[in-house]
Amino acid sequence: MLSESEQRVPSIKELLEERLKFNEPVLDHLPDAFASLVSSTSTFSSFPVDPLPVLRHALRISDEACYLSGDTSAEVFFLYWSTFVCADLSFELSWYTRRGSLAAIYTAAGAVLISRL
């Protein structure tokens, strides 16, 4: 058994592939699930489609993948804001950019899975 320091950290690609594999058993139901997810449930909404639940889901998956792959930018990000230190904001932008890009990739991969049905 490997010690904690010797354990291999999975790559983001491996983590997202593994997450997409979780969808395979329910692949026939995914179009209906996504349609239900984006359908507006608010009676005050004038839009028939609400993309926020899908965006939240994709961002949650991408943030979790970043965390599990050893991304430490979140620690730096929260340290920066909690201590109000003036520093280079490039780490803040990379935090958002990384997660936004991965969310787009994850969503596109999910759309490809659905389109193959």
PDB file of N, CA and C in Angstrom:
ATOM      1  N   MET A   1       0.840  -1.176   0.000  1.00  0.00           N
ATOM      2  CA  MET A   1       0.000   0.000   0.000  1.00  0.00           C
ATOM      3  C   MET A   1       0.887   1.242   0.000  1.00  0.00           C
ATOM      4  N   LEU A   2       0.538   2.213  -0.828  1.00  0.00           N
ATOM      5  CA  LEU A   2       1.324   3.438  -0.936  1.00  0.00           C
ATOM      6  C   LEU A   2       1.014   4.376   0.212  1.00  0.00           C
ATOM      7  N   SER A   3       2.039   5.061   0.679  1.00  0.00           N
ATOM      8  CA  SER A   3       1.804   6.067   1.709  1.00  0.00           C
ATOM      9  C   SER A   3       1.125   7.270   1.070  1.00  0.00           C
ATOM     10  N   GLU A   4       0.635   8.177   1.895  1.00  0.00           N
ATOM     11  CA  GLU A   4      -0.085   9.343   1.375  1.00  0.00           C
ATOM     12  C   GLU A   4       0.792  10.176   0.460  1.00  0.00           C
ATOM     13  N   SER A   5       2.069  10.285   0.768  1.00  0.00           N
ATOM     14  CA  SER A   5       2.971  11.090  -0.057  1.00  0.00           C
ATOM     15  C   SER A   5       3.314  10.396  -1.380  1.00  0.00           C
ATOM     16  N   GLU A   6       3.154   9.054  -1.461  1.00  0.00           N
ATOM     17  CA  GLU A   6       3.487   8.314  -2.665  1.00  0.00           C
ATOM     18  C   GLU A   6       2.282   8.084  -3.579  1.00  0.00           C
ATOM     19  N   GLN A   7       1.087   8.439  -3.123  1.00  0.00           N
ATOM     20  CA  GLN A   7      -0.105   8.221  -3.951  1.00  0.00           C
ATOM     21  C   GLN A   7      -0.087   9.151  -5.153  1.00  0.00           C
ATOM     22  N   ARG A   8      -0.478   8.592  -6.283  1.00  0.00           N
ATOM     23  CA  ARG A   8      -0.499   9.351  -7.521  1.00  0.00           C
ATOM     24  C   ARG A   8      -1.744  10.214  -7.576  1.00  0.00           C
ATOM     25  N   VAL A   9      -1.565  11.470  -7.912  1.00  0.00           N
ATOM     26  CA  VAL A   9      -2.683  12.393  -8.054  1.00  0.00           C
ATOM     27  C   VAL A   9      -3.209  12.282  -9.481  1.00  0.00           C
ATOM     28  N   PRO A  10      -4.503  12.034  -9.640  1.00  0.00           N
ATOM     29  CA  PRO A  10      -5.043  11.893 -10.998  1.00  0.00           C
ATOM     30  C   PRO A  10      -5.040  13.233 -11.734  1.00  0.00           C
ATOM     31  N   SER A  11      -4.940  13.151 -13.042  1.00  0.00           N
ATOM     32  CA  SER A  11      -4.980  14.369 -13.856  1.00  0.00           C
ATOM     33  C   SER A  11      -6.424  14.833 -14.007  1.00  0.00           C
ATOM     34  N   ILE A  12      -6.585  16.061 -14.401  1.00  0.00           N
ATOM     35  CA  ILE A  12      -7.926  16.596 -14.619  1.00  0.00           C
ATOM     36  C   ILE A  12      -8.627  15.809 -15.723  1.00  0.00           C
ATOM     37  N   LYS A  13      -7.891  15.450 -16.765  1.00  0.00           N
ATOM     38  CA  LYS A  13      -8.480  14.663 -17.864  1.00  0.00           C
ATOM     39  C   LYS A  13      -9.020  13.342 -17.334  1.00  0.00           C
ATOM     40  N   GLU A  14      -8.247  12.649 -16.514  1.00  0.00           N
ATOM     41  CA  GLU A  14      -8.691  11.374 -15.952  1.00  0.00           C
ATOM     42  C   GLU A  14      -9.938  11.557 -15.080  1.00  0.00           C
ATOM     43  N   LEU A  15      -9.953  12.622 -14.295  1.00  0.00           N
ATOM     44  CA  LEU A  15     -11.086  12.873 -13.411  1.00  0.00           C
ATOM     45  C   LEU A  15     -12.364  13.168 -14.206  1.00  0.00           C
ATOM     46  N   LEU A  16     -12.249  14.004 -15.247  1.00  0.00           N
ATOM     47  CA  LEU A  16     -13.435  14.316 -16.046  1.00  0.00           C
ATOM     48  C   LEU A  16     -13.909  13.103 -16.844  1.00  0.00           C
ATOM     49  N   GLU A  17     -12.982  12.293 -17.348  1.00  0.00           N
ATOM     50  CA  GLU A  17     -13.373  11.066 -18.050  1.00  0.00           C
ATOM     51  C   GLU A  17     -14.118  10.124 -17.104  1.00  0.00           C
ATOM     52  N   GLU A  18     -13.613  10.012 -15.888  1.00  0.00           N
ATOM     53  CA  GLU A  18     -14.260   9.143 -14.898  1.00  0.00           C
ATOM     54  C   GLU A  18     -15.658   9.669 -14.570  1.00  0.00           C
ATOM     55  N   ARG A  19     -15.788  10.978 -14.448  1.00  0.00           N
ATOM     56  CA  ARG A  19     -17.100  11.566 -14.146  1.00  0.00           C
ATOM     57  C   ARG A  19     -18.078  11.327 -15.290  1.00  0.00           C
ATOM     58  N   LEU A  20     -17.615  11.446 -16.512  1.00  0.00           N
ATOM     59  CA  LEU A  20     -18.489  11.192 -17.666  1.00  0.00           C
ATOM     60  C   LEU A  20     -18.895   9.717 -17.743  1.00  0.00           C
ATOM     61  N   LYS A  21     -18.041   8.813 -17.273  1.00  0.00           N
ATOM     62  CA  LYS A  21     -18.387   7.391 -17.261  1.00  0.00           C
ATOM     63  C   LYS A  21     -19.551   7.101 -16.320  1.00  0.00           C
ATOM     64  N   PHE A  22     -19.713   7.954 -15.292  1.00  0.00           N
ATOM     65  CA  PHE A  22     -20.849   7.775 -14.378  1.00  0.00           C
ATOM     66  C   PHE A  22     -22.178   7.953 -15.100  1.00  0.00           C
ATOM     67  N   ASN A  23     -22.170   8.687 -16.211  1.00  0.00           N
ATOM     68  CA  ASN A  23     -23.397   8.930 -16.970  1.00  0.00           C
ATOM     69  C   ASN A  23     -23.786   7.753 -17.867  1.00  0.00           C
ATOM     70  N   GLU A  24     -22.857   6.855 -18.155  1.00  0.00           N
ATOM     71  CA  GLU A  24     -23.124   5.773 -19.109  1.00  0.00           C
ATOM     72  C   GLU A  24     -24.321   4.894 -18.745  1.00  0.00           C
ATOM     73  N   PRO A  25     -24.497   4.489 -17.479  1.00  0.00           N
ATOM     74  CA  PRO A  25     -25.652   3.634 -17.178  1.00  0.00           C
ATOM     75  C   PRO A  25     -27.008   4.318 -17.392  1.00  0.00           C
ATOM     76  N   VAL A  26     -27.027   5.632 -17.346  1.00  0.00           N
ATOM     77  CA  VAL A  26     -28.298   6.360 -17.482  1.00  0.00           C
ATOM     78  C   VAL A  26     -28.330   7.202 -18.755  1.00  0.00           C
ATOM     79  N   LEU A  27     -27.505   6.837 -19.711  1.00  0.00           N
ATOM     80  CA  LEU A  27     -27.356   7.631 -20.929  1.00  0.00           C
ATOM     81  C   LEU A  27     -28.678   7.833 -21.670  1.00  0.00           C
ATOM     82  N   ASP A  28     -29.551   6.831 -21.665  1.00  0.00           N
ATOM     83  CA  ASP A  28     -30.833   6.960 -22.348  1.00  0.00           C
ATOM     84  C   ASP A  28     -31.742   8.007 -21.695  1.00  0.00           C
ATOM     85  N   HIS A  29     -31.508   8.282 -20.418  1.00  0.00           N
ATOM     86  CA  HIS A  29     -32.349   9.229 -19.681  1.00  0.00           C
ATOM     87  C   HIS A  29     -31.751  10.634 -19.614  1.00  0.00           C
ATOM     88  N   LEU A  30     -30.526  10.806 -20.054  1.00  0.00           N
ATOM     89  CA  LEU A  30     -29.865  12.108 -19.939  1.00  0.00           C
ATOM     90  C   LEU A  30     -30.543  13.241 -20.705  1.00  0.00           C
ATOM     91  N   PRO A  31     -31.021  13.024 -21.923  1.00  0.00           N
ATOM     92  CA  PRO A  31     -31.700  14.139 -22.602  1.00  0.00           C
ATOM     93  C   PRO A  31     -32.889  14.681 -21.802  1.00  0.00           C
ATOM     94  N   ASP A  32     -33.680  13.787 -21.244  1.00  0.00           N
ATOM     95  CA  ASP A  32     -34.821  14.223 -20.431  1.00  0.00           C
ATOM     96  C   ASP A  32     -34.353  14.901 -19.149  1.00  0.00           C
ATOM     97  N   ALA A  33     -33.276  14.377 -18.557  1.00  0.00           N
ATOM     98  CA  ALA A  33     -32.754  14.963 -17.328  1.00  0.00           C
ATOM     99  C   ALA A  33     -32.222  16.375 -17.567  1.00  0.00           C
ATOM    100  N   PHE A  34     -31.495  16.558 -18.649  1.00  0.00           N
ATOM    101  CA  PHE A  34     -30.980  17.892 -18.955  1.00  0.00           C
ATOM    102  C   PHE A  34     -32.106  18.851 -19.335  1.00  0.00           C
ATOM    103  N   ALA A  35     -33.101  18.359 -20.045  1.00  0.00           N
ATOM    104  CA  ALA A  35     -34.245  19.206 -20.393  1.00  0.00           C
ATOM    105  C   ALA A  35     -34.976  19.649 -19.134  1.00  0.00           C
ATOM    106  N   SER A  36     -35.117  18.738 -18.198  1.00  0.00           N
ATOM    107  CA  SER A  36     -35.756  19.080 -16.928  1.00  0.00           C
ATOM    108  C   SER A  36     -34.906  20.065 -16.133  1.00  0.00           C
ATOM    109  N   LEU A  37     -33.602  19.908 -16.217  1.00  0.00           N
ATOM    110  CA  LEU A  37     -32.689  20.771 -15.473  1.00  0.00           C
ATOM    111  C   LEU A  37     -32.730  22.208 -15.972  1.00  0.00           C
ATOM    112  N   VAL A  38     -32.869  22.411 -17.271  1.00  0.00           N
ATOM    113  CA  VAL A  38     -32.858  23.771 -17.814  1.00  0.00           C
ATOM    114  C   VAL A  38     -34.248  24.383 -17.912  1.00  0.00           C
ATOM    115  N   SER A  39     -35.293  23.594 -17.692  1.00  0.00           N
ATOM    116  CA  SER A  39     -36.648  24.149 -17.735  1.00  0.00           C
ATOM    117  C   SER A  39     -36.828  25.097 -16.567  1.00  0.00           C
ATOM    118  N   SER A  40     -37.356  26.258 -16.860  1.00  0.00           N
ATOM    119  CA  SER A  40     -37.557  27.269 -15.829  1.00  0.00           C
ATOM    120  C   SER A  40     -38.626  26.800 -14.852  1.00  0.00           C
ATOM    121  N   THR A  41     -38.297  26.795 -13.571  1.00  0.00           N
ATOM    122  CA  THR A  41     -39.246  26.393 -12.541  1.00  0.00           C
ATOM    123  C   THR A  41     -39.845  27.600 -11.844  1.00  0.00           C
ATOM    124  N   SER A  42     -39.315  28.764 -12.124  1.00  0.00           N
ATOM    125  CA  SER A  42     -39.808  29.976 -11.487  1.00  0.00           C
ATOM    126  C   SER A  42     -41.048  30.483 -12.210  1.00  0.00           C
ATOM    127  N   THR A  43     -42.056  30.828 -11.447  1.00  0.00           N
ATOM    128  CA  THR A  43     -43.275  31.364 -12.057  1.00  0.00           C
ATOM    129  C   THR A  43     -43.088  32.816 -12.472  1.00  0.00           C
ATOM    130  N   PHE A  44     -42.034  33.454 -11.974  1.00  0.00           N
ATOM    131  CA  PHE A  44     -41.775  34.854 -12.291  1.00  0.00           C
ATOM    132  C   PHE A  44     -40.834  35.025 -13.476  1.00  0.00           C
ATOM    133  N   SER A  45     -40.273  33.942 -13.943  1.00  0.00           N
ATOM    134  CA  SER A  45     -39.334  34.011 -15.053  1.00  0.00           C
ATOM    135  C   SER A  45     -40.082  34.150 -16.373  1.00  0.00           C
ATOM    136  N   SER A  46     -39.607  35.068 -17.206  1.00  0.00           N
ATOM    137  CA  SER A  46     -40.214  35.220 -18.524  1.00  0.00           C
ATOM    138  C   SER A  46     -39.489  34.379 -19.576  1.00  0.00           C
ATOM    139  N   PHE A  47     -38.434  33.698 -19.159  1.00  0.00           N
ATOM    140  CA  PHE A  47     -37.669  32.864 -20.077  1.00  0.00           C
ATOM    141  C   PHE A  47     -38.066  31.401 -19.899  1.00  0.00           C
ATOM    142  N   PRO A  48     -38.260  30.676 -21.002  1.00  0.00           N
ATOM    143  CA  PRO A  48     -38.638  29.264 -20.878  1.00  0.00           C
ATOM    144  C   PRO A  48     -37.471  28.367 -20.471  1.00  0.00           C
ATOM    145  N   VAL A  49     -36.261  28.877 -20.627  1.00  0.00           N
ATOM    146  CA  VAL A  49     -35.072  28.076 -20.313  1.00  0.00           C
ATOM    147  C   VAL A  49     -34.219  28.824 -19.302  1.00  0.00           C
ATOM    148  N   ASP A  50     -33.803  28.122 -18.259  1.00  0.00           N
ATOM    149  CA  ASP A  50     -32.940  28.703 -17.233  1.00  0.00           C
ATOM    150  C   ASP A  50     -31.614  27.947 -17.244  1.00  0.00           C
ATOM    151  N   PRO A  51     -30.541  28.531 -17.780  1.00  0.00           N
ATOM    152  CA  PRO A  51     -29.264  27.820 -17.877  1.00  0.00           C
ATOM    153  C   PRO A  51     -28.488  27.746 -16.560  1.00  0.00           C
ATOM    154  N   LEU A  52     -28.908  28.471 -15.532  1.00  0.00           N
ATOM    155  CA  LEU A  52     -28.131  28.506 -14.286  1.00  0.00           C
ATOM    156  C   LEU A  52     -27.940  27.144 -13.620  1.00  0.00           C
ATOM    157  N   PRO A  53     -28.952  26.274 -13.540  1.00  0.00           N
ATOM    158  CA  PRO A  53     -28.699  24.963 -12.923  1.00  0.00           C
ATOM    159  C   PRO A  53     -27.632  24.145 -13.658  1.00  0.00           C
ATOM    160  N   VAL A  54     -27.624  24.214 -14.974  1.00  0.00           N
ATOM    161  CA  VAL A  54     -26.614  23.485 -15.747  1.00  0.00           C
ATOM    162  C   VAL A  54     -25.235  24.097 -15.510  1.00  0.00           C
ATOM    163  N   LEU A  55     -25.170  25.415 -15.494  1.00  0.00           N
ATOM    164  CA  LEU A  55     -23.890  26.080 -15.233  1.00  0.00           C
ATOM    165  C   LEU A  55     -23.371  25.754 -13.842  1.00  0.00           C
ATOM    166  N   ARG A  56     -24.258  25.778 -12.857  1.00  0.00           N
ATOM    167  CA  ARG A  56     -23.838  25.435 -11.480  1.00  0.00           C
ATOM    168  C   ARG A  56     -23.296  24.010 -11.418  1.00  0.00           C
ATOM    169  N   HIS A  57     -23.992  23.096 -12.075  1.00  0.00           N
ATOM    170  CA  HIS A  57     -23.551  21.693 -12.083  1.00  0.00           C
ATOM    171  C   HIS A  57     -22.171  21.558 -12.727  1.00  0.00           C
ATOM    172  N   ALA A  58     -22.000  22.171 -13.891  1.00  0.00           N
ATOM    173  CA  ALA A  58     -20.721  22.069 -14.602  1.00  0.00           C
ATOM    174  C   ALA A  58     -19.601  22.729 -13.804  1.00  0.00           C
ATOM    175  N   LEU A  59     -19.875  23.871 -13.195  1.00  0.00           N
ATOM    176  CA  LEU A  59     -18.847  24.543 -12.391  1.00  0.00           C
ATOM    177  C   LEU A  59     -18.504  23.748 -11.136  1.00  0.00           C
ATOM    178  N   ARG A  60     -19.496  23.082 -10.548  1.00  0.00           N
ATOM    179  CA  ARG A  60     -19.230  22.253  -9.374  1.00  0.00           C
ATOM    180  C   ARG A  60     -18.330  21.075  -9.748  1.00  0.00           C
ATOM    181  N   ILE A  61     -18.614  20.446 -10.902  1.00  0.00           N
ATOM    182  CA  ILE A  61     -17.800  19.324 -11.368  1.00  0.00           C
ATOM    183  C   ILE A  61     -16.370  19.792 -11.661  1.00  0.00           C
ATOM    184  N   SER A  62     -16.229  20.923 -12.348  1.00  0.00           N
ATOM    185  CA  SER A  62     -14.895  21.408 -12.701  1.00  0.00           C
ATOM    186  C   SER A  62     -14.111  21.837 -11.463  1.00  0.00           C
ATOM    187  N   ASP A  63     -14.774  22.443 -10.494  1.00  0.00           N
ATOM    188  CA  ASP A  63     -14.083  22.834  -9.261  1.00  0.00           C
ATOM    189  C   ASP A  63     -13.613  21.611  -8.493  1.00  0.00           C
ATOM    190  N   GLU A  64     -14.452  20.598  -8.439  1.00  0.00           N
ATOM    191  CA  GLU A  64     -14.077  19.354  -7.755  1.00  0.00           C
ATOM    192  C   GLU A  64     -12.901  18.678  -8.459  1.00  0.00           C
ATOM    193  N   ALA A  65     -12.913  18.672  -9.796  1.00  0.00           N
ATOM    194  CA  ALA A  65     -11.803  18.071 -10.551  1.00  0.00           C
ATOM    195  C   ALA A  65     -10.509  18.832 -10.284  1.00  0.00           C
ATOM    196  N   CYS A  66     -10.576  20.148 -10.238  1.00  0.00           N
ATOM    197  CA  CYS A  66      -9.378  20.946  -9.942  1.00  0.00           C
ATOM    198  C   CYS A  66      -8.851  20.624  -8.551  1.00  0.00           C
ATOM    199  N   TYR A  67      -9.743  20.546  -7.593  1.00  0.00           N
ATOM    200  CA  TYR A  67      -9.348  20.250  -6.222  1.00  0.00           C
ATOM    201  C   TYR A  67      -8.703  18.864  -6.123  1.00  0.00           C
ATOM    202  N   LEU A  68      -9.347  17.858  -6.722  1.00  0.00           N
ATOM    203  CA  LEU A  68      -8.836  16.490  -6.635  1.00  0.00           C
ATOM    204  C   LEU A  68      -7.526  16.302  -7.389  1.00  0.00           C
ATOM    205  N   SER A  69      -7.282  17.154  -8.385  1.00  0.00           N
ATOM    206  CA  SER A  69      -6.030  17.039  -9.139  1.00  0.00           C
ATOM    207  C   SER A  69      -4.883  17.790  -8.461  1.00  0.00           C
ATOM    208  N   GLY A  70      -5.165  18.401  -7.337  1.00  0.00           N
ATOM    209  CA  GLY A  70      -4.097  19.064  -6.589  1.00  0.00           C
ATOM    210  C   GLY A  70      -3.960  20.543  -6.862  1.00  0.00           C
ATOM    211  N   ASP A  71      -4.930  21.149  -7.504  1.00  0.00           N
ATOM    212  CA  ASP A  71      -4.888  22.582  -7.782  1.00  0.00           C
ATOM    213  C   ASP A  71      -4.956  23.347  -6.465  1.00  0.00           C
ATOM    214  N   THR A  72      -3.978  24.180  -6.209  1.00  0.00           N
ATOM    215  CA  THR A  72      -3.934  24.944  -4.959  1.00  0.00           C
ATOM    216  C   THR A  72      -4.262  26.409  -5.163  1.00  0.00           C
ATOM    217  N   SER A  73      -4.713  26.802  -6.341  1.00  0.00           N
ATOM    218  CA  SER A  73      -5.007  28.213  -6.579  1.00  0.00           C
ATOM    219  C   SER A  73      -6.146  28.696  -5.698  1.00  0.00           C
ATOM    220  N   ALA A  74      -7.061  27.799  -5.313  1.00  0.00           N
ATOM    221  CA  ALA A  74      -8.161  28.207  -4.439  1.00  0.00           C
ATOM    222  C   ALA A  74      -7.628  28.623  -3.081  1.00  0.00           C
ATOM    223  N   GLU A  75      -6.616  27.909  -2.571  1.00  0.00           N
ATOM    224  CA  GLU A  75      -6.038  28.273  -1.280  1.00  0.00           C
ATOM    225  C   GLU A  75      -5.410  29.649  -1.352  1.00  0.00           C
ATOM    226  N   VAL A  76      -4.699  29.921  -2.422  1.00  0.00           N
ATOM    227  CA  VAL A  76      -4.071  31.223  -2.592  1.00  0.00           C
ATOM    228  C   VAL A  76      -5.145  32.290  -2.756  1.00  0.00           C
ATOM    229  N   PHE A  77      -6.193  31.976  -3.512  1.00  0.00           N
ATOM    230  CA  PHE A  77      -7.276  32.917  -3.759  1.00  0.00           C
ATOM    231  C   PHE A  77      -7.930  33.334  -2.442  1.00  0.00           C
ATOM    232  N   PHE A  78      -8.269  32.371  -1.588  1.00  0.00           N
ATOM    233  CA  PHE A  78      -8.933  32.704  -0.336  1.00  0.00           C
ATOM    234  C   PHE A  78      -7.979  33.354   0.645  1.00  0.00           C
ATOM    235  N   LEU A  79      -6.717  32.988   0.615  1.00  0.00           N
ATOM    236  CA  LEU A  79      -5.726  33.635   1.464  1.00  0.00           C
ATOM    237  C   LEU A  79      -5.602  35.103   1.079  1.00  0.00           C
ATOM    238  N   TYR A  80      -5.604  35.373  -0.205  1.00  0.00           N
ATOM    239  CA  TYR A  80      -5.495  36.741  -0.695  1.00  0.00           C
ATOM    240  C   TYR A  80      -6.650  37.585  -0.162  1.00  0.00           C
ATOM    241  N   TRP A  81      -7.867  37.094  -0.308  1.00  0.00           N
ATOM    242  CA  TRP A  81      -9.027  37.890   0.093  1.00  0.00           C
ATOM    243  C   TRP A  81      -9.176  37.965   1.600  1.00  0.00           C
ATOM    244  N   SER A  82      -8.758  36.962   2.333  1.00  0.00           N
ATOM    245  CA  SER A  82      -8.908  37.002   3.788  1.00  0.00           C
ATOM    246  C   SER A  82      -7.886  37.914   4.445  1.00  0.00           C
ATOM    247  N   THR A  83      -6.741  38.146   3.805  1.00  0.00           N
ATOM    248  CA  THR A  83      -5.720  39.002   4.411  1.00  0.00           C
ATOM    249  C   THR A  83      -5.633  40.366   3.749  1.00  0.00           C
ATOM    250  N   PHE A  84      -6.387  40.576   2.672  1.00  0.00           N
ATOM    251  CA  PHE A  84      -6.404  41.846   1.949  1.00  0.00           C
ATOM    252  C   PHE A  84      -5.002  42.297   1.536  1.00  0.00           C
ATOM    253  N   VAL A  85      -4.231  41.361   1.055  1.00  0.00           N
ATOM    254  CA  VAL A  85      -2.886  41.651   0.586  1.00  0.00           C
ATOM    255  C   VAL A  85      -2.970  42.073  -0.871  1.00  0.00           C
ATOM    256  N   CYS A  86      -2.328  43.166  -1.185  1.00  0.00           N
ATOM    257  CA  CYS A  86      -2.289  43.594  -2.582  1.00  0.00           C
ATOM    258  C   CYS A  86      -1.221  42.775  -3.283  1.00  0.00           C
ATOM    259  N   ALA A  87      -1.637  42.003  -4.228  1.00  0.00           N
ATOM    260  CA  ALA A  87      -0.701  41.149  -4.946  1.00  0.00           C
ATOM    261  C   ALA A  87      -1.142  41.068  -6.396  1.00  0.00           C
ATOM    262  N   ASP A  88      -0.381  40.351  -7.157  1.00  0.00           N
ATOM    263  CA  ASP A  88      -0.711  40.135  -8.562  1.00  0.00           C
ATOM    264  C   ASP A  88      -2.024  39.364  -8.656  1.00  0.00           C
ATOM    265  N   LEU A  89      -2.958  39.856  -9.446  1.00  0.00           N
ATOM    266  CA  LEU A  89      -4.260  39.218  -9.567  1.00  0.00           C
ATOM    267  C   LEU A  89      -4.292  38.115 -10.615  1.00  0.00           C
ATOM    268  N   SER A  90      -3.145  37.762 -11.177  1.00  0.00           N
ATOM    269  CA  SER A  90      -3.135  36.725 -12.207  1.00  0.00           C
ATOM    270  C   SER A  90      -3.612  35.389 -11.665  1.00  0.00           C
ATOM    271  N   PHE A  91      -3.334  35.099 -10.386  1.00  0.00           N
ATOM    272  CA  PHE A  91      -3.801  33.831  -9.822  1.00  0.00           C
ATOM    273  C   PHE A  91      -5.323  33.826  -9.723  1.00  0.00           C
ATOM    274  N   GLU A  92      -5.927  34.986  -9.447  1.00  0.00           N
ATOM    275  CA  GLU A  92      -7.381  35.055  -9.372  1.00  0.00           C
ATOM    276  C   GLU A  92      -7.995  34.769 -10.741  1.00  0.00           C
ATOM    277  N   LEU A  93      -7.448  35.380 -11.759  1.00  0.00           N
ATOM    278  CA  LEU A  93      -7.953  35.155 -13.108  1.00  0.00           C
ATOM    279  C   LEU A  93      -7.749  33.711 -13.541  1.00  0.00           C
ATOM    280  N   SER A  94      -6.620  33.132 -13.184  1.00  0.00           N
ATOM    281  CA  SER A  94      -6.381  31.740 -13.576  1.00  0.00           C
ATOM    282  C   SER A  94      -7.344  30.801 -12.853  1.00  0.00           C
ATOM    283  N   TRP A  95      -7.733  31.138 -11.637  1.00  0.00           N
ATOM    284  CA  TRP A  95      -8.682  30.316 -10.888  1.00  0.00           C
ATOM    285  C   TRP A  95     -10.010  30.264 -11.639  1.00  0.00           C
ATOM    286  N   TYR A  96     -10.522  31.426 -12.026  1.00  0.00           N
ATOM    287  CA  TYR A  96     -11.793  31.489 -12.756  1.00  0.00           C
ATOM    288  C   TYR A  96     -11.659  30.911 -14.161  1.00  0.00           C
ATOM    289  N   THR A  97     -10.573  31.226 -14.830  1.00  0.00           N
ATOM    290  CA  THR A  97     -10.374  30.756 -16.199  1.00  0.00           C
ATOM    291  C   THR A  97     -10.297  29.241 -16.249  1.00  0.00           C
ATOM    292  N   ARG A  98      -9.538  28.660 -15.333  1.00  0.00           N
ATOM    293  CA  ARG A  98      -9.381  27.197 -15.308  1.00  0.00           C
ATOM    294  C   ARG A  98     -10.735  26.520 -15.103  1.00  0.00           C
ATOM    295  N   ARG A  99     -11.481  26.969 -14.118  1.00  0.00           N
ATOM    296  CA  ARG A  99     -12.757  26.329 -13.820  1.00  0.00           C
ATOM    297  C   ARG A  99     -13.801  26.588 -14.897  1.00  0.00           C
ATOM    298  N   GLY A 100     -13.825  27.783 -15.448  1.00  0.00           N
ATOM    299  CA  GLY A 100     -14.753  28.091 -16.524  1.00  0.00           C
ATOM    300  C   GLY A 100     -14.469  27.272 -17.771  1.00  0.00           C
ATOM    301  N   SER A 101     -13.187  27.133 -18.097  1.00  0.00           N
ATOM    302  CA  SER A 101     -12.800  26.344 -19.272  1.00  0.00           C
ATOM    303  C   SER A 101     -13.164  24.874 -19.084  1.00  0.00           C
ATOM    304  N   LEU A 102     -12.882  24.341 -17.905  1.00  0.00           N
ATOM    305  CA  LEU A 102     -13.209  22.933 -17.644  1.00  0.00           C
ATOM    306  C   LEU A 102     -14.714  22.706 -17.629  1.00  0.00           C
ATOM    307  N   ALA A 103     -15.475  23.672 -17.122  1.00  0.00           N
ATOM    308  CA  ALA A 103     -16.934  23.550 -17.133  1.00  0.00           C
ATOM    309  C   ALA A 103     -17.441  23.508 -18.565  1.00  0.00           C
ATOM    310  N   ALA A 104     -16.871  24.333 -19.443  1.00  0.00           N
ATOM    311  CA  ALA A 104     -17.275  24.332 -20.856  1.00  0.00           C
ATOM    312  C   ALA A 104     -16.919  23.001 -21.517  1.00  0.00           C
ATOM    313  N   ILE A 105     -15.742  22.483 -21.221  1.00  0.00           N
ATOM    314  CA  ILE A 105     -15.316  21.199 -21.789  1.00  0.00           C
ATOM    315  C   ILE A 105     -16.219  20.071 -21.300  1.00  0.00           C
ATOM    316  N   TYR A 106     -16.515  20.058 -19.999  1.00  0.00           N
ATOM    317  CA  TYR A 106     -17.371  19.022 -19.431  1.00  0.00           C
ATOM    318  C   TYR A 106     -18.771  19.079 -20.046  1.00  0.00           C
ATOM    319  N   THR A 107     -19.317  20.289 -20.196  1.00  0.00           N
ATOM    320  CA  THR A 107     -20.650  20.450 -20.776  1.00  0.00           C
ATOM    321  C   THR A 107     -20.661  20.018 -22.241  1.00  0.00           C
ATOM    322  N   ALA A 108     -19.624  20.378 -22.984  1.00  0.00           N
ATOM    323  CA  ALA A 108     -19.545  19.982 -24.394  1.00  0.00           C
ATOM    324  C   ALA A 108     -19.428  18.463 -24.523  1.00  0.00           C
ATOM    325  N   ALA A 109     -18.649  17.846 -23.656  1.00  0.00           N
ATOM    326  CA  ALA A 109     -18.514  16.385 -23.702  1.00  0.00           C
ATOM    327  C   ALA A 109     -19.844  15.714 -23.386  1.00  0.00           C
ATOM    328  N   GLY A 110     -20.584  16.273 -22.426  1.00  0.00           N
ATOM    329  CA  GLY A 110     -21.906  15.739 -22.112  1.00  0.00           C
ATOM    330  C   GLY A 110     -22.858  15.883 -23.282  1.00  0.00           C
ATOM    331  N   ALA A 111     -22.769  17.015 -23.979  1.00  0.00           N
ATOM    332  CA  ALA A 111     -23.623  17.229 -25.155  1.00  0.00           C
ATOM    333  C   ALA A 111     -23.286  16.235 -26.270  1.00  0.00           C
ATOM    334  N   VAL A 112     -22.019  15.932 -26.433  1.00  0.00           N
ATOM    335  CA  VAL A 112     -21.613  14.937 -27.443  1.00  0.00           C
ATOM    336  C   VAL A 112     -22.166  13.562 -27.082  1.00  0.00           C
ATOM    337  N   LEU A 113     -22.110  13.204 -25.794  1.00  0.00           N
ATOM    338  CA  LEU A 113     -22.669  11.915 -25.377  1.00  0.00           C
ATOM    339  C   LEU A 113     -24.154  11.830 -25.709  1.00  0.00           C
ATOM    340  N   ILE A 114     -24.868  12.907 -25.444  1.00  0.00           N
ATOM    341  CA  ILE A 114     -26.308  12.915 -25.722  1.00  0.00           C
ATOM    342  C   ILE A 114     -26.588  12.874 -27.213  1.00  0.00           C
ATOM    343  N   SER A 115     -25.780  13.586 -28.001  1.00  0.00           N
ATOM    344  CA  SER A 115     -26.022  13.635 -29.447  1.00  0.00           C
ATOM    345  C   SER A 115     -25.770  12.292 -30.131  1.00  0.00           C
ATOM    346  N   ARG A 116     -25.051  11.412 -29.496  1.00  0.00           N
ATOM    347  CA  ARG A 116     -24.773  10.102 -30.083  1.00  0.00           C
ATOM    348  C   ARG A 116     -25.913   9.113 -29.898  1.00  0.00           C
ATOM    349  N   LEU A 117     -26.927   9.501 -29.168  1.00  0.00           N
ATOM    350  CA  LEU A 117     -28.050   8.577 -28.937  1.00  0.00           C
ATOM    351  C   LEU A 117     -28.888   8.394 -30.172  1.00  0.00           C
TER     352      LEU A 117
END
